[in-house]
């Protein structure tokens, strides 16, 4: 466990205060012109008042990619409501990525805004499922957003995800990451499985061998951006659609995730694995339902993957056929 990047800032486990507002960011703005919970520049040097548990905790598993992490944190700093905090579990050696200047600066910004940031240098590396399990064990908020460390969120995205999950009452809502270098690469065949939820989100049992699993192609390249443009779905009126699973940016009802075992299955996997997020989502979807949000305001920074050994696909090992 390691302190944060500034000697005088809160250390791990400290909850630098924020407004206890638990709205989805649509309530009255404060005197600084920002939604409740986000302090403007005029307040950054003022003492941060104590606060309770936020509505959302953003859980970031991190390894390497210090520049990408800084961009990810900058995206969070541009979010208004709901009230949220950030927990980063970094496994970079010898020192965590948040010690690099750009990432350290964004941690300071979030804390100055009144967003609690907890920093954990979590070693040894035992695989992504264990990393996610560790983060989930630290969370206390009713909603948790698993956000990869190479994803930028459009302003307002956290509020839209939260509102969508609250309204749908399902287990998770994801915002699939888009690679904007593919905006000129239109893929009609991969977009064909797209289907909006017409009515309440319902539980679905999906396995890799099922026809519905082909929905994974919806999240390739910039497919969702093309679908949103074709259907003229504006950011201000997002819709839910059917998914197989969502990578990179998924908001869970924390209790629903825990009810389905969370990521405790890491003990049954070798450290070299992939697809742990698929396992958790398919289990939650089967019991509580899950959906994707379109338009997706999550942008993939298109950095090289840090999960290079994918010899074990977790969903093939952990899920019944």
Protein backbone atom coordinates (compact mmCIF):
# COMPACT_ATOMS: atom_id res chain seq x y z
CA UNK A 1 0.00 0.00 0.00
CA UNK A 2 1.44 3.36 -1.05
CA UNK A 3 0.75 7.02 -0.39
CA UNK A 4 -0.54 9.32 -3.09
CA UNK A 5 1.64 11.46 -5.32
CA UNK A 6 1.63 14.55 -3.12
CA UNK A 7 3.18 14.48 0.34
CA UNK A 8 0.49 16.66 1.87
CA UNK A 9 -2.47 14.97 0.20
CA UNK A 10 -4.71 12.26 1.62
CA UNK A 11 -3.16 8.82 1.69
CA UNK A 12 -4.74 5.48 0.84
CA UNK A 13 -8.06 5.00 2.54
CA UNK A 14 -8.50 8.73 3.15
CA UNK A 15 -11.70 10.14 1.75
CA UNK A 16 -11.02 13.71 0.81
CA UNK A 17 -14.43 15.26 1.16
CA UNK A 18 -17.12 15.88 -1.36
CA UNK A 19 -20.72 16.82 -1.26
CA UNK A 20 -22.91 13.99 0.03
CA UNK A 21 -25.27 14.68 -2.87
CA UNK A 22 -26.53 11.36 -4.25
CA UNK A 23 -28.35 12.60 -7.33
CA UNK A 24 -27.53 11.63 -10.88
CA UNK A 25 -26.04 15.05 -11.49
CA UNK A 26 -29.28 16.68 -12.63
CA UNK A 27 -30.07 18.63 -9.46
CA UNK A 28 -29.48 22.33 -8.70
CA UNK A 29 -26.00 23.63 -9.32
CA UNK A 30 -23.94 25.05 -6.51
CA UNK A 31 -22.81 28.68 -6.28
CA UNK A 32 -19.72 27.98 -8.40
CA UNK A 33 -21.88 26.88 -11.33
CA UNK A 34 -21.07 23.18 -11.10
CA UNK A 35 -23.35 20.32 -10.18
CA UNK A 36 -23.31 19.52 -6.48
CA UNK A 37 -20.23 17.54 -5.50
CA UNK A 38 -17.76 19.12 -7.93
CA UNK A 39 -15.85 22.11 -6.58
CA UNK A 40 -14.78 24.77 -9.05
CA UNK A 41 -11.37 26.40 -9.28
CA UNK A 42 -12.34 29.16 -6.89
CA UNK A 43 -12.73 26.58 -4.13
CA UNK A 44 -9.65 24.44 -4.74
CA UNK A 45 -7.56 26.12 -2.03
CA UNK A 46 -10.37 25.99 0.55
CA UNK A 47 -10.58 23.12 3.05
CA UNK A 48 -12.52 20.16 1.72
CA UNK A 49 -15.48 19.36 3.99
CA UNK A 50 -15.92 15.77 5.17
CA UNK A 51 -18.39 13.61 3.32
CA UNK A 52 -20.01 10.22 3.46
CA UNK A 53 -19.93 7.39 0.95
CA UNK A 54 -20.47 8.60 -2.63
CA UNK A 55 -23.12 7.15 -4.90
CA UNK A 56 -20.52 5.73 -7.29
CA UNK A 57 -16.97 4.54 -6.84
CA UNK A 58 -14.87 4.33 -9.99
CA UNK A 59 -12.58 1.29 -9.79
CA UNK A 60 -9.52 1.46 -12.03
CA UNK A 61 -7.25 -1.59 -12.40
CA UNK A 62 -3.95 -0.22 -13.65
CA UNK A 63 -0.63 -1.49 -14.98
CA UNK A 64 1.75 0.72 -16.93
CA UNK A 65 0.29 3.30 -19.33
CA UNK A 66 1.02 6.33 -17.12
CA UNK A 67 0.09 8.75 -19.90
CA UNK A 68 -3.14 6.90 -20.62
CA UNK A 69 -4.02 6.85 -16.93
CA UNK A 70 -3.66 10.63 -16.83
CA UNK A 71 -6.12 10.97 -19.73
CA UNK A 72 -8.55 8.60 -18.01
CA UNK A 73 -8.41 10.67 -14.82
CA UNK A 74 -8.83 13.88 -16.83
CA UNK A 75 -12.05 12.46 -18.24
CA UNK A 76 -13.30 11.79 -14.73
CA UNK A 77 -12.36 15.32 -13.64
CA UNK A 78 -14.72 16.63 -16.34
CA UNK A 79 -17.72 14.77 -14.89
CA UNK A 80 -20.29 16.54 -12.74
CA UNK A 81 -22.83 14.49 -10.77
CA UNK A 82 -23.43 11.99 -9.36
CA UNK A 83 -21.21 12.09 -6.30
CA UNK A 84 -18.28 9.77 -6.97
CA UNK A 85 -14.91 8.69 -5.70
CA UNK A 86 -12.01 6.92 -7.39
CA UNK A 87 -9.99 3.88 -6.32
CA UNK A 88 -6.90 2.95 -8.32
CA UNK A 89 -5.16 -0.38 -7.85
CA UNK A 90 -1.85 -0.20 -9.67
CA UNK A 91 0.49 -3.14 -10.25
CA UNK A 92 3.34 -1.39 -12.05
CA UNK A 93 6.86 -2.10 -10.81
CA UNK A 94 8.94 -0.74 -9.29
CA UNK A 95 6.63 2.21 -8.61
CA UNK A 96 2.98 3.00 -9.41
CA UNK A 97 1.99 5.02 -12.47
CA UNK A 98 0.28 7.70 -10.41
CA UNK A 99 3.73 8.94 -9.38
CA UNK A 100 4.33 10.18 -12.93
CA UNK A 101 3.73 13.96 -13.26
CA UNK A 102 0.69 13.92 -15.55
CA UNK A 103 -1.21 11.30 -13.56
CA UNK A 104 -0.16 12.88 -10.25
CA UNK A 105 -1.52 16.24 -11.42
CA UNK A 106 -4.91 14.77 -12.27
CA UNK A 107 -5.14 13.07 -8.88
CA UNK A 108 -4.59 16.50 -7.33
CA UNK A 109 -7.32 17.99 -9.52
CA UNK A 110 -9.85 15.34 -8.52
CA UNK A 111 -9.06 15.81 -4.85
CA UNK A 112 -9.28 19.60 -5.16
CA UNK A 113 -12.68 19.14 -6.78
CA UNK A 114 -13.80 17.22 -3.72
CA UNK A 115 -13.58 13.74 -5.24
CA UNK A 116 -12.01 11.24 -2.85
CA UNK A 117 -9.16 9.31 -4.47
CA UNK A 118 -7.71 6.17 -2.92
CA UNK A 119 -4.40 4.85 -4.25
CA UNK A 120 -3.23 1.26 -3.76
CA UNK A 121 0.03 -0.23 -5.04
CA UNK A 122 -1.22 -3.81 -5.12
CA UNK A 123 1.41 -6.52 -5.63
CA UNK A 124 2.19 -9.25 -6.55
CA UNK A 125 0.33 -9.56 -9.83
CA UNK A 126 -2.01 -12.54 -9.78
CA UNK A 127 -4.13 -11.82 -12.81
CA UNK A 128 -6.90 -9.43 -13.76
CA UNK A 129 -9.63 -11.29 -11.89
CA UNK A 130 -7.71 -10.95 -8.62
CA UNK A 131 -7.04 -7.28 -9.38
CA UNK A 132 -10.76 -6.66 -9.89
CA UNK A 133 -11.65 -8.69 -6.80
CA UNK A 134 -9.26 -6.56 -4.74
CA UNK A 135 -10.85 -3.35 -6.01
CA UNK A 136 -14.38 -4.60 -5.40
CA UNK A 137 -13.42 -5.50 -1.83
CA UNK A 138 -12.42 -1.88 -1.21
CA UNK A 139 -15.67 -0.41 -2.54
CA UNK A 140 -18.54 0.70 -0.33
CA UNK A 141 -20.71 2.71 -2.72
CA UNK A 142 -24.00 1.24 -3.99
CA UNK A 143 -22.75 1.55 -7.58
CA UNK A 144 -19.29 0.70 -8.90
CA UNK A 145 -17.87 1.63 -12.29
CA UNK A 146 -15.09 -0.63 -13.52
CA UNK A 147 -13.12 1.65 -15.82
CA UNK A 148 -9.98 0.58 -17.69
CA UNK A 149 -6.95 2.86 -17.42
CA UNK A 150 -7.01 3.68 -21.14
CA UNK A 151 -10.53 5.06 -21.51
CA UNK A 152 -11.63 8.70 -21.77
CA UNK A 153 -15.22 9.53 -20.81
CA UNK A 154 -17.20 12.25 -22.52
CA UNK A 155 -18.44 14.89 -20.04
CA UNK A 156 -21.83 13.84 -18.64
CA UNK A 157 -21.20 10.14 -19.30
CA UNK A 158 -21.12 9.12 -15.64
CA UNK A 159 -24.45 10.85 -15.00
CA UNK A 160 -26.03 9.16 -18.03
CA UNK A 161 -24.80 5.72 -16.99
CA UNK A 162 -26.04 6.19 -13.44
CA UNK A 163 -29.44 7.46 -14.52
CA UNK A 164 -29.82 4.57 -16.97
CA UNK A 165 -28.94 1.94 -14.38
CA UNK A 166 -31.27 3.47 -11.79
CA UNK A 167 -34.14 3.62 -14.26
CA UNK A 168 -33.62 0.14 -15.68
CA UNK A 169 -33.12 -1.49 -12.27
CA UNK A 170 -30.89 -4.16 -13.79
CA UNK A 171 -27.50 -5.50 -12.71
CA UNK A 172 -25.24 -3.44 -14.96
CA UNK A 173 -25.15 -0.90 -17.76
CA UNK A 174 -22.02 -0.58 -19.87
CA UNK A 175 -20.64 2.02 -22.23
CA UNK A 176 -18.57 0.10 -24.76
CA UNK A 177 -15.30 1.78 -25.70
CA UNK A 178 -15.02 3.27 -29.19
CA UNK A 179 -11.88 3.51 -31.30
CA UNK A 180 -12.27 6.82 -33.08
CA UNK A 181 -9.45 6.02 -35.51
CA UNK A 182 -12.11 3.77 -37.13
CA UNK A 183 -14.69 6.48 -37.85
CA UNK A 184 -14.11 5.98 -41.58
CA UNK A 185 -14.34 2.18 -41.24
CA UNK A 186 -18.05 1.31 -41.46
CA UNK A 187 -18.83 -2.37 -40.79
CA UNK A 188 -22.50 -3.19 -41.57
CA UNK A 189 -22.11 -6.92 -40.98
CA UNK A 190 -20.75 -6.41 -37.47
CA UNK A 191 -23.58 -3.98 -36.68
CA UNK A 192 -26.32 -6.38 -37.75
CA UNK A 193 -26.91 -7.96 -34.28
CA UNK A 194 -27.87 -4.55 -32.81
CA UNK A 195 -31.21 -4.60 -31.00
CA UNK A 196 -32.63 -1.96 -28.71
CA UNK A 197 -34.34 -3.00 -25.50
CA UNK A 198 -38.01 -2.37 -26.19
CA UNK A 199 -39.35 -2.42 -22.66
CA UNK A 200 -37.73 -3.36 -19.35
CA UNK A 201 -34.30 -4.99 -19.33
CA UNK A 202 -34.79 -8.68 -18.56
CA UNK A 203 -32.36 -11.36 -17.37
CA UNK A 204 -30.74 -13.35 -20.18
CA UNK A 205 -28.64 -16.51 -20.07
CA UNK A 206 -25.87 -16.25 -22.67
CA UNK A 207 -22.88 -18.47 -23.32
CA UNK A 208 -20.12 -18.27 -25.91
CA UNK A 209 -21.78 -20.97 -28.04
CA UNK A 210 -25.14 -19.14 -28.16
CA UNK A 211 -26.29 -17.11 -31.15
CA UNK A 212 -26.73 -14.05 -28.91
CA UNK A 213 -23.00 -14.02 -28.13
CA UNK A 214 -22.36 -12.68 -31.64
CA UNK A 215 -23.47 -9.31 -30.24
CA UNK A 216 -19.83 -8.84 -29.18
CA UNK A 217 -19.10 -7.56 -32.70
CA UNK A 218 -21.15 -4.45 -31.95
CA UNK A 219 -18.26 -3.15 -29.88
CA UNK A 220 -15.54 -3.47 -32.50
CA UNK A 221 -13.93 -0.39 -34.05
CA UNK A 222 -16.43 2.54 -34.03
CA UNK A 223 -19.56 0.48 -34.67
CA UNK A 224 -21.61 2.10 -31.93
CA UNK A 225 -20.78 5.58 -33.17
CA UNK A 226 -22.00 4.62 -36.63
CA UNK A 227 -25.19 3.03 -35.25
CA UNK A 228 -25.95 6.08 -33.10
CA UNK A 229 -25.52 8.37 -36.10
CA UNK A 230 -27.66 6.17 -38.36
CA UNK A 231 -30.48 5.93 -35.80
CA UNK A 232 -30.07 9.58 -34.78
CA UNK A 233 -29.82 8.81 -31.08
CA UNK A 234 -28.56 11.96 -29.32
CA UNK A 235 -26.36 11.92 -26.23
CA UNK A 236 -29.09 13.66 -24.28
CA UNK A 237 -31.58 10.83 -24.92
CA UNK A 238 -29.54 7.61 -24.73
CA UNK A 239 -31.10 4.19 -25.23
CA UNK A 240 -30.38 0.74 -23.86
CA UNK A 241 -29.55 -2.17 -26.17
CA UNK A 242 -28.92 -5.90 -25.83
CA UNK A 243 -25.34 -7.00 -25.29
CA UNK A 244 -23.26 -10.14 -24.92
CA UNK A 245 -20.84 -8.28 -22.67
CA UNK A 246 -19.21 -4.86 -22.49
CA UNK A 247 -15.49 -4.13 -22.18
CA UNK A 248 -13.70 -1.23 -20.55
CA UNK A 249 -16.49 0.77 -18.89
CA UNK A 250 -19.23 -1.01 -16.93
CA UNK A 251 -21.38 0.36 -14.11
CA UNK A 252 -22.64 -2.34 -11.73
CA UNK A 253 -25.10 -2.42 -8.94
CA UNK A 254 -22.48 -3.47 -6.40
CA UNK A 255 -24.78 -5.75 -4.42
CA UNK A 256 -25.95 -7.52 -7.57
CA UNK A 257 -22.34 -8.15 -8.55
CA UNK A 258 -21.55 -9.47 -5.07
CA UNK A 259 -24.67 -11.67 -5.10
CA UNK A 260 -23.29 -13.33 -8.24
CA UNK A 261 -19.87 -13.96 -6.68
CA UNK A 262 -18.06 -10.88 -7.96
CA UNK A 263 -14.54 -11.87 -9.04
CA UNK A 264 -13.82 -14.31 -6.21
CA UNK A 265 -13.33 -17.01 -8.85
CA UNK A 266 -9.81 -15.66 -9.42
CA UNK A 267 -8.55 -18.39 -7.09
CA UNK A 268 -9.62 -21.00 -9.65
CA UNK A 269 -7.72 -19.41 -12.53
CA UNK A 270 -4.05 -19.25 -13.46
CA UNK A 271 -2.56 -15.76 -13.25
CA UNK A 272 -2.33 -15.64 -17.05
CA UNK A 273 -5.93 -15.32 -18.18
CA UNK A 274 -8.37 -13.06 -19.99
CA UNK A 275 -12.16 -12.75 -20.08
CA UNK A 276 -12.71 -12.37 -16.33
CA UNK A 277 -15.04 -9.42 -17.00
CA UNK A 278 -17.09 -11.63 -19.34
CA UNK A 279 -17.62 -14.18 -16.56
CA UNK A 280 -18.83 -11.59 -14.06
CA UNK A 281 -21.14 -9.88 -16.54
CA UNK A 282 -22.74 -13.07 -17.85
CA UNK A 283 -23.45 -14.19 -14.29
CA UNK A 284 -25.02 -10.85 -13.40
CA UNK A 285 -26.95 -10.75 -16.68
CA UNK A 286 -28.42 -14.19 -16.05
CA UNK A 287 -29.78 -13.16 -12.67
CA UNK A 288 -30.45 -9.43 -12.90
CA UNK A 289 -30.13 -8.43 -16.55
CA UNK A 290 -27.62 -6.13 -18.20
CA UNK A 291 -27.52 -3.67 -21.07
CA UNK A 292 -25.36 -1.34 -23.12
CA UNK A 293 -25.89 2.41 -23.44
CA UNK A 294 -25.93 4.14 -26.82
CA UNK A 295 -24.51 6.61 -27.71
CA UNK A 296 -21.34 5.51 -25.98
CA UNK A 297 -19.23 8.35 -24.67
CA UNK A 298 -16.34 6.04 -23.79
CA UNK A 299 -13.31 6.46 -26.04
CA UNK A 300 -10.60 3.82 -26.21
CA UNK A 301 -7.16 5.42 -26.24
CA UNK A 302 -6.00 2.52 -28.43
CA UNK A 303 -2.92 1.84 -26.36
CA UNK A 304 -1.38 -1.65 -26.70
CA UNK A 305 -2.90 -4.26 -24.41
CA UNK A 306 -1.12 -5.09 -21.17
CA UNK A 307 -2.75 -8.54 -21.03
CA UNK A 308 -0.44 -10.34 -23.43
CA UNK A 309 -0.86 -13.94 -22.24
CA UNK A 310 -4.41 -15.00 -23.03
CA UNK A 311 -3.81 -18.73 -22.92
CA UNK A 312 -6.75 -19.19 -20.53
CA UNK A 313 -10.15 -17.76 -21.46
CA UNK A 314 -11.94 -17.41 -18.12
CA UNK A 315 -15.44 -17.72 -19.56
CA UNK A 316 -14.57 -21.12 -21.02
CA UNK A 317 -13.27 -22.35 -17.68
CA UNK A 318 -15.65 -20.82 -15.14
CA UNK A 319 -19.08 -20.96 -16.82
CA UNK A 320 -21.28 -24.01 -17.30
CA UNK A 321 -22.13 -24.67 -20.96
